[in-house]
Amino acid sequence: MNPTFAKAIAALVPTGMLLFGSTLQFSRRKGLATLFQLIGAACLVAVVIAHVCEALGWFPRMHWGPGA
């Protein structure tokens, strides 16, 4: 297994939990602070998904991943 892929999957678990918790908190209290927390958690998940794509080499034209 690719070590970058293993690290990305390991990072996906806590960021996914953070996104889930932020979504729950925003659904209960619709404030500006909880909205910013939700946006930040979503951005972190997007970064982790980008690392997963990089590890799998899904975007070779962007020169990501092992074949770069």
PDB file of N, CA and C in Angstrom:
ATOM      1  N   MET A   1       0.847  -1.180   0.000  1.00  0.00           N
ATOM      2  CA  MET A   1       0.000   0.000   0.000  1.00  0.00           C
ATOM      3  C   MET A   1       0.895   1.246   0.000  1.00  0.00           C
ATOM      4  N   ASN A   2       0.474   2.205  -0.751  1.00  0.00           N
ATOM      5  CA  ASN A   2       1.179   3.470  -0.848  1.00  0.00           C
ATOM      6  C   ASN A   2       1.135   4.190   0.511  1.00  0.00           C
ATOM      7  N   PRO A   3       2.278   4.655   1.027  1.00  0.00           N
ATOM      8  CA  PRO A   3       2.252   5.333   2.333  1.00  0.00           C
ATOM      9  C   PRO A   3       1.457   6.646   2.313  1.00  0.00           C
ATOM     10  N   THR A   4       1.449   7.325   1.177  1.00  0.00           N
ATOM     11  CA  THR A   4       0.654   8.553   1.075  1.00  0.00           C
ATOM     12  C   THR A   4      -0.832   8.235   1.157  1.00  0.00           C
ATOM     13  N   PHE A   5      -1.231   7.138   0.539  1.00  0.00           N
ATOM     14  CA  PHE A   5      -2.628   6.726   0.591  1.00  0.00           C
ATOM     15  C   PHE A   5      -3.035   6.335   2.009  1.00  0.00           C
ATOM     16  N   ALA A   6      -2.168   5.627   2.701  1.00  0.00           N
ATOM     17  CA  ALA A   6      -2.462   5.228   4.080  1.00  0.00           C
ATOM     18  C   ALA A   6      -2.603   6.446   4.989  1.00  0.00           C
ATOM     19  N   LYS A   7      -1.737   7.433   4.805  1.00  0.00           N
ATOM     20  CA  LYS A   7      -1.825   8.660   5.611  1.00  0.00           C
ATOM     21  C   LYS A   7      -3.098   9.438   5.289  1.00  0.00           C
ATOM     22  N   ALA A   8      -3.465   9.473   4.021  1.00  0.00           N
ATOM     23  CA  ALA A   8      -4.673  10.201   3.624  1.00  0.00           C
ATOM     24  C   ALA A   8      -5.923   9.542   4.179  1.00  0.00           C
ATOM     25  N   ILE A   9      -5.970   8.211   4.145  1.00  0.00           N
ATOM     26  CA  ILE A   9      -7.121   7.503   4.704  1.00  0.00           C
ATOM     27  C   ILE A   9      -7.162   7.687   6.216  1.00  0.00           C
ATOM     28  N   ALA A  10      -5.986   7.679   6.847  1.00  0.00           N
ATOM     29  CA  ALA A  10      -5.935   7.895   8.293  1.00  0.00           C
ATOM     30  C   ALA A  10      -6.391   9.309   8.653  1.00  0.00           C
ATOM     31  N   ALA A  11      -6.136  10.273   7.794  1.00  0.00           N
ATOM     32  CA  ALA A  11      -6.574  11.647   8.047  1.00  0.00           C
ATOM     33  C   ALA A  11      -8.045  11.839   7.719  1.00  0.00           C
ATOM     34  N   LEU A  12      -8.584  10.979   6.861  1.00  0.00           N
ATOM     35  CA  LEU A  12      -9.991  11.103   6.468  1.00  0.00           C
ATOM     36  C   LEU A  12     -10.939  10.793   7.623  1.00  0.00           C
ATOM     37  N   VAL A  13     -10.529   9.907   8.508  1.00  0.00           N
ATOM     38  CA  VAL A  13     -11.395   9.523   9.633  1.00  0.00           C
ATOM     39  C   VAL A  13     -11.640  10.702  10.584  1.00  0.00           C
ATOM     40  N   PRO A  14     -10.607  11.356  11.130  1.00  0.00           N
ATOM     41  CA  PRO A  14     -10.905  12.465  12.045  1.00  0.00           C
ATOM     42  C   PRO A  14     -11.540  13.677  11.363  1.00  0.00           C
ATOM     43  N   THR A  15     -11.146  13.941  10.107  1.00  0.00           N
ATOM     44  CA  THR A  15     -11.769  15.083   9.437  1.00  0.00           C
ATOM     45  C   THR A  15     -13.228  14.798   9.101  1.00  0.00           C
ATOM     46  N   GLY A  16     -13.534  13.547   8.780  1.00  0.00           N
ATOM     47  CA  GLY A  16     -14.934  13.178   8.558  1.00  0.00           C
ATOM     48  C   GLY A  16     -15.762  13.314   9.819  1.00  0.00           C
ATOM     49  N   MET A  17     -15.170  12.913  10.949  1.00  0.00           N
ATOM     50  CA  MET A  17     -15.874  13.070  12.226  1.00  0.00           C
ATOM     51  C   MET A  17     -16.061  14.547  12.564  1.00  0.00           C
ATOM     52  N   LEU A  18     -15.051  15.355  12.253  1.00  0.00           N
ATOM     53  CA  LEU A  18     -15.158  16.793  12.497  1.00  0.00           C
ATOM     54  C   LEU A  18     -16.257  17.409  11.631  1.00  0.00           C
ATOM     55  N   LEU A  19     -16.338  16.985  10.376  1.00  0.00           N
ATOM     56  CA  LEU A  19     -17.387  17.493   9.497  1.00  0.00           C
ATOM     57  C   LEU A  19     -18.764  17.064   9.984  1.00  0.00           C
ATOM     58  N   PHE A  20     -18.890  15.821  10.413  1.00  0.00           N
ATOM     59  CA  PHE A  20     -20.162  15.332  10.925  1.00  0.00           C
ATOM     60  C   PHE A  20     -20.573  16.104  12.185  1.00  0.00           C
ATOM     61  N   GLY A  21     -19.640  16.303  13.094  1.00  0.00           N
ATOM     62  CA  GLY A  21     -19.941  17.060  14.317  1.00  0.00           C
ATOM     63  C   GLY A  21     -20.287  18.509  14.035  1.00  0.00           C
ATOM     64  N   SER A  22     -19.580  19.107  13.098  1.00  0.00           N
ATOM     65  CA  SER A  22     -19.871  20.494  12.739  1.00  0.00           C
ATOM     66  C   SER A  22     -21.248  20.617  12.093  1.00  0.00           C
ATOM     67  N   THR A  23     -21.616  19.623  11.288  1.00  0.00           N
ATOM     68  CA  THR A  23     -22.936  19.632  10.665  1.00  0.00           C
ATOM     69  C   THR A  23     -24.035  19.514  11.722  1.00  0.00           C
ATOM     70  N   LEU A  24     -23.827  18.622  12.692  1.00  0.00           N
ATOM     71  CA  LEU A  24     -24.806  18.499  13.776  1.00  0.00           C
ATOM     72  C   LEU A  24     -24.925  19.789  14.579  1.00  0.00           C
ATOM     73  N   GLN A  25     -23.777  20.366  14.887  1.00  0.00           N
ATOM     74  CA  GLN A  25     -23.796  21.597  15.675  1.00  0.00           C
ATOM     75  C   GLN A  25     -24.471  22.729  14.903  1.00  0.00           C
ATOM     76  N   PHE A  26     -24.213  22.816  13.605  1.00  0.00           N
ATOM     77  CA  PHE A  26     -24.845  23.872  12.816  1.00  0.00           C
ATOM     78  C   PHE A  26     -26.346  23.655  12.697  1.00  0.00           C
ATOM     79  N   SER A  27     -26.772  22.384  12.639  1.00  0.00           N
ATOM     80  CA  SER A  27     -28.206  22.134  12.535  1.00  0.00           C
ATOM     81  C   SER A  27     -28.944  22.503  13.822  1.00  0.00           C
ATOM     82  N   ARG A  28     -28.251  22.449  14.954  1.00  0.00           N
ATOM     83  CA  ARG A  28     -28.874  22.811  16.226  1.00  0.00           C
ATOM     84  C   ARG A  28     -28.812  24.303  16.499  1.00  0.00           C
ATOM     85  N   ARG A  29     -27.648  24.901  16.262  1.00  0.00           N
ATOM     86  CA  ARG A  29     -27.464  26.342  16.498  1.00  0.00           C
ATOM     87  C   ARG A  29     -27.020  26.994  15.201  1.00  0.00           C
ATOM     88  N   LYS A  30     -27.878  27.713  14.578  1.00  0.00           N
ATOM     89  CA  LYS A  30     -27.558  28.329  13.298  1.00  0.00           C
ATOM     90  C   LYS A  30     -26.946  29.713  13.508  1.00  0.00           C
ATOM     91  N   GLY A  31     -25.706  29.712  13.960  1.00  0.00           N
ATOM     92  CA  GLY A  31     -24.992  30.960  14.182  1.00  0.00           C
ATOM     93  C   GLY A  31     -23.866  31.139  13.181  1.00  0.00           C
ATOM     94  N   LEU A  32     -23.283  32.305  13.209  1.00  0.00           N
ATOM     95  CA  LEU A  32     -22.198  32.615  12.284  1.00  0.00           C
ATOM     96  C   LEU A  32     -20.946  31.802  12.619  1.00  0.00           C
ATOM     97  N   ALA A  33     -20.679  31.620  13.907  1.00  0.00           N
ATOM     98  CA  ALA A  33     -19.498  30.857  14.313  1.00  0.00           C
ATOM     99  C   ALA A  33     -19.612  29.398  13.891  1.00  0.00           C
ATOM    100  N   THR A  34     -20.789  28.813  14.045  1.00  0.00           N
ATOM    101  CA  THR A  34     -20.956  27.418  13.639  1.00  0.00           C
ATOM    102  C   THR A  34     -20.920  27.270  12.117  1.00  0.00           C
ATOM    103  N   LEU A  35     -21.358  28.284  11.402  1.00  0.00           N
ATOM    104  CA  LEU A  35     -21.256  28.264   9.940  1.00  0.00           C
ATOM    105  C   LEU A  35     -19.796  28.270   9.513  1.00  0.00           C
ATOM    106  N   PHE A  36     -18.991  29.128  10.135  1.00  0.00           N
ATOM    107  CA  PHE A  36     -17.567  29.168   9.810  1.00  0.00           C
ATOM    108  C   PHE A  36     -16.870  27.859  10.166  1.00  0.00           C
ATOM    109  N   GLN A  37     -17.279  27.250  11.272  1.00  0.00           N
ATOM    110  CA  GLN A  37     -16.713  25.964  11.649  1.00  0.00           C
ATOM    111  C   GLN A  37     -17.075  24.897  10.626  1.00  0.00           C
ATOM    112  N   LEU A  38     -18.295  24.915  10.141  1.00  0.00           N
ATOM    113  CA  LEU A  38     -18.732  23.958   9.129  1.00  0.00           C
ATOM    114  C   LEU A  38     -17.972  24.156   7.825  1.00  0.00           C
ATOM    115  N   ILE A  39     -17.780  25.388   7.420  1.00  0.00           N
ATOM    116  CA  ILE A  39     -17.029  25.677   6.194  1.00  0.00           C
ATOM    117  C   ILE A  39     -15.579  25.221   6.336  1.00  0.00           C
ATOM    118  N   GLY A  40     -14.979  25.472   7.486  1.00  0.00           N
ATOM    119  CA  GLY A  40     -13.598  25.045   7.721  1.00  0.00           C
ATOM    120  C   GLY A  40     -13.452  23.540   7.701  1.00  0.00           C
ATOM    121  N   ALA A  41     -14.404  22.836   8.307  1.00  0.00           N
ATOM    122  CA  ALA A  41     -14.353  21.377   8.305  1.00  0.00           C
ATOM    123  C   ALA A  41     -14.520  20.831   6.895  1.00  0.00           C
ATOM    124  N   ALA A  42     -15.386  21.446   6.109  1.00  0.00           N
ATOM    125  CA  ALA A  42     -15.581  21.009   4.720  1.00  0.00           C
ATOM    126  C   ALA A  42     -14.312  21.241   3.895  1.00  0.00           C
ATOM    127  N   CYS A  43     -13.628  22.336   4.151  1.00  0.00           N
ATOM    128  CA  CYS A  43     -12.375  22.604   3.437  1.00  0.00           C
ATOM    129  C   CYS A  43     -11.296  21.594   3.818  1.00  0.00           C
ATOM    130  N   LEU A  44     -11.239  21.212   5.091  1.00  0.00           N
ATOM    131  CA  LEU A  44     -10.280  20.195   5.508  1.00  0.00           C
ATOM    132  C   LEU A  44     -10.558  18.854   4.837  1.00  0.00           C
ATOM    133  N   VAL A  45     -11.825  18.497   4.716  1.00  0.00           N
ATOM    134  CA  VAL A  45     -12.177  17.258   4.032  1.00  0.00           C
ATOM    135  C   VAL A  45     -11.791  17.343   2.559  1.00  0.00           C
ATOM    136  N   ALA A  46     -11.956  18.493   1.950  1.00  0.00           N
ATOM    137  CA  ALA A  46     -11.563  18.664   0.545  1.00  0.00           C
ATOM    138  C   ALA A  46     -10.053  18.479   0.377  1.00  0.00           C
ATOM    139  N   VAL A  47      -9.278  18.969   1.326  1.00  0.00           N
ATOM    140  CA  VAL A  47      -7.820  18.793   1.269  1.00  0.00           C
ATOM    141  C   VAL A  47      -7.454  17.322   1.395  1.00  0.00           C
ATOM    142  N   VAL A  48      -8.113  16.625   2.308  1.00  0.00           N
ATOM    143  CA  VAL A  48      -7.824  15.199   2.487  1.00  0.00           C
ATOM    144  C   VAL A  48      -8.222  14.411   1.239  1.00  0.00           C
ATOM    145  N   ILE A  49      -9.347  14.752   0.640  1.00  0.00           N
ATOM    146  CA  ILE A  49      -9.750  14.074  -0.594  1.00  0.00           C
ATOM    147  C   ILE A  49      -8.754  14.355  -1.714  1.00  0.00           C
ATOM    148  N   ALA A  50      -8.197  15.559  -1.749  1.00  0.00           N
ATOM    149  CA  ALA A  50      -7.159  15.864  -2.738  1.00  0.00           C
ATOM    150  C   ALA A  50      -5.925  15.001  -2.512  1.00  0.00           C
ATOM    151  N   HIS A  51      -5.578  14.732  -1.256  1.00  0.00           N
ATOM    152  CA  HIS A  51      -4.443  13.860  -0.962  1.00  0.00           C
ATOM    153  C   HIS A  51      -4.735  12.411  -1.367  1.00  0.00           C
ATOM    154  N   VAL A  52      -5.966  11.974  -1.190  1.00  0.00           N
ATOM    155  CA  VAL A  52      -6.341  10.626  -1.631  1.00  0.00           C
ATOM    156  C   VAL A  52      -6.208  10.528  -3.152  1.00  0.00           C
ATOM    157  N   CYS A  53      -6.695  11.526  -3.862  1.00  0.00           N
ATOM    158  CA  CYS A  53      -6.577  11.539  -5.326  1.00  0.00           C
ATOM    159  C   CYS A  53      -5.113  11.584  -5.763  1.00  0.00           C
ATOM    160  N   GLU A  54      -4.305  12.315  -5.019  1.00  0.00           N
ATOM    161  CA  GLU A  54      -2.878  12.384  -5.324  1.00  0.00           C
ATOM    162  C   GLU A  54      -2.219  11.014  -5.138  1.00  0.00           C
ATOM    163  N   ALA A  55      -2.570  10.339  -4.071  1.00  0.00           N
ATOM    164  CA  ALA A  55      -1.964   9.034  -3.793  1.00  0.00           C
ATOM    165  C   ALA A  55      -2.382   7.985  -4.816  1.00  0.00           C
ATOM    166  N   LEU A  56      -3.592   8.077  -5.309  1.00  0.00           N
ATOM    167  CA  LEU A  56      -4.071   7.099  -6.278  1.00  0.00           C
ATOM    168  C   LEU A  56      -3.696   7.449  -7.715  1.00  0.00           C
ATOM    169  N   GLY A  57      -3.185   8.658  -7.920  1.00  0.00           N
ATOM    170  CA  GLY A  57      -2.773   9.067  -9.260  1.00  0.00           C
ATOM    171  C   GLY A  57      -3.936   9.288 -10.197  1.00  0.00           C
ATOM    172  N   TRP A  58      -5.033   9.836  -9.704  1.00  0.00           N
ATOM    173  CA  TRP A  58      -6.237  10.010 -10.513  1.00  0.00           C
ATOM    174  C   TRP A  58      -6.165  11.193 -11.470  1.00  0.00           C
ATOM    175  N   PHE A  59      -5.276  12.147 -11.234  1.00  0.00           N
ATOM    176  CA  PHE A  59      -5.206  13.341 -12.078  1.00  0.00           C
ATOM    177  C   PHE A  59      -3.794  13.496 -12.641  1.00  0.00           C
ATOM    178  N   PRO A  60      -3.403  12.659 -13.591  1.00  0.00           N
ATOM    179  CA  PRO A  60      -2.022  12.728 -14.087  1.00  0.00           C
ATOM    180  C   PRO A  60      -1.719  14.015 -14.856  1.00  0.00           C
ATOM    181  N   ARG A  61      -2.722  14.633 -15.455  1.00  0.00           N
ATOM    182  CA  ARG A  61      -2.470  15.879 -16.186  1.00  0.00           C
ATOM    183  C   ARG A  61      -2.123  17.043 -15.264  1.00  0.00           C
ATOM    184  N   MET A  62      -2.483  16.927 -14.020  1.00  0.00           N
ATOM    185  CA  MET A  62      -2.144  17.970 -13.055  1.00  0.00           C
ATOM    186  C   MET A  62      -0.783  17.704 -12.412  1.00  0.00           C
ATOM    187  N   HIS A  63      -0.136  16.624 -12.830  1.00  0.00           N
ATOM    188  CA  HIS A  63       1.174  16.212 -12.314  1.00  0.00           C
ATOM    189  C   HIS A  63       1.135  15.955 -10.821  1.00  0.00           C
ATOM    190  N   TRP A  64       0.071  15.285 -10.390  1.00  0.00           N
ATOM    191  CA  TRP A  64      -0.058  14.869  -9.006  1.00  0.00           C
ATOM    192  C   TRP A  64       0.366  13.418  -8.910  1.00  0.00           C
ATOM    193  N   GLY A  65       0.848  13.042  -7.776  1.00  0.00           N
ATOM    194  CA  GLY A  65       1.051  11.641  -7.473  1.00  0.00           C
ATOM    195  C   GLY A  65       2.381  11.068  -7.886  1.00  0.00           C
ATOM    196  N   PRO A  66       2.462   9.747  -7.895  1.00  0.00           N
ATOM    197  CA  PRO A  66       3.738   9.079  -8.102  1.00  0.00           C
ATOM    198  C   PRO A  66       4.325   9.276  -9.483  1.00  0.00           C
ATOM    199  N   GLY A  67       3.525   9.489 -10.494  1.00  0.00           N
ATOM    200  CA  GLY A  67       4.040   9.643 -11.839  1.00  0.00           C
ATOM    201  C   GLY A  67       4.459  11.061 -12.205  1.00  0.00           C
ATOM    202  N   ALA A  68       4.483  11.970 -11.229  1.00  0.00           N
ATOM    203  CA  ALA A  68       4.766  13.380 -11.523  1.00  0.00           C
ATOM    204  C   ALA A  68       6.212  13.627 -11.839  1.00  0.00           C
TER     205      ALA A  68
END
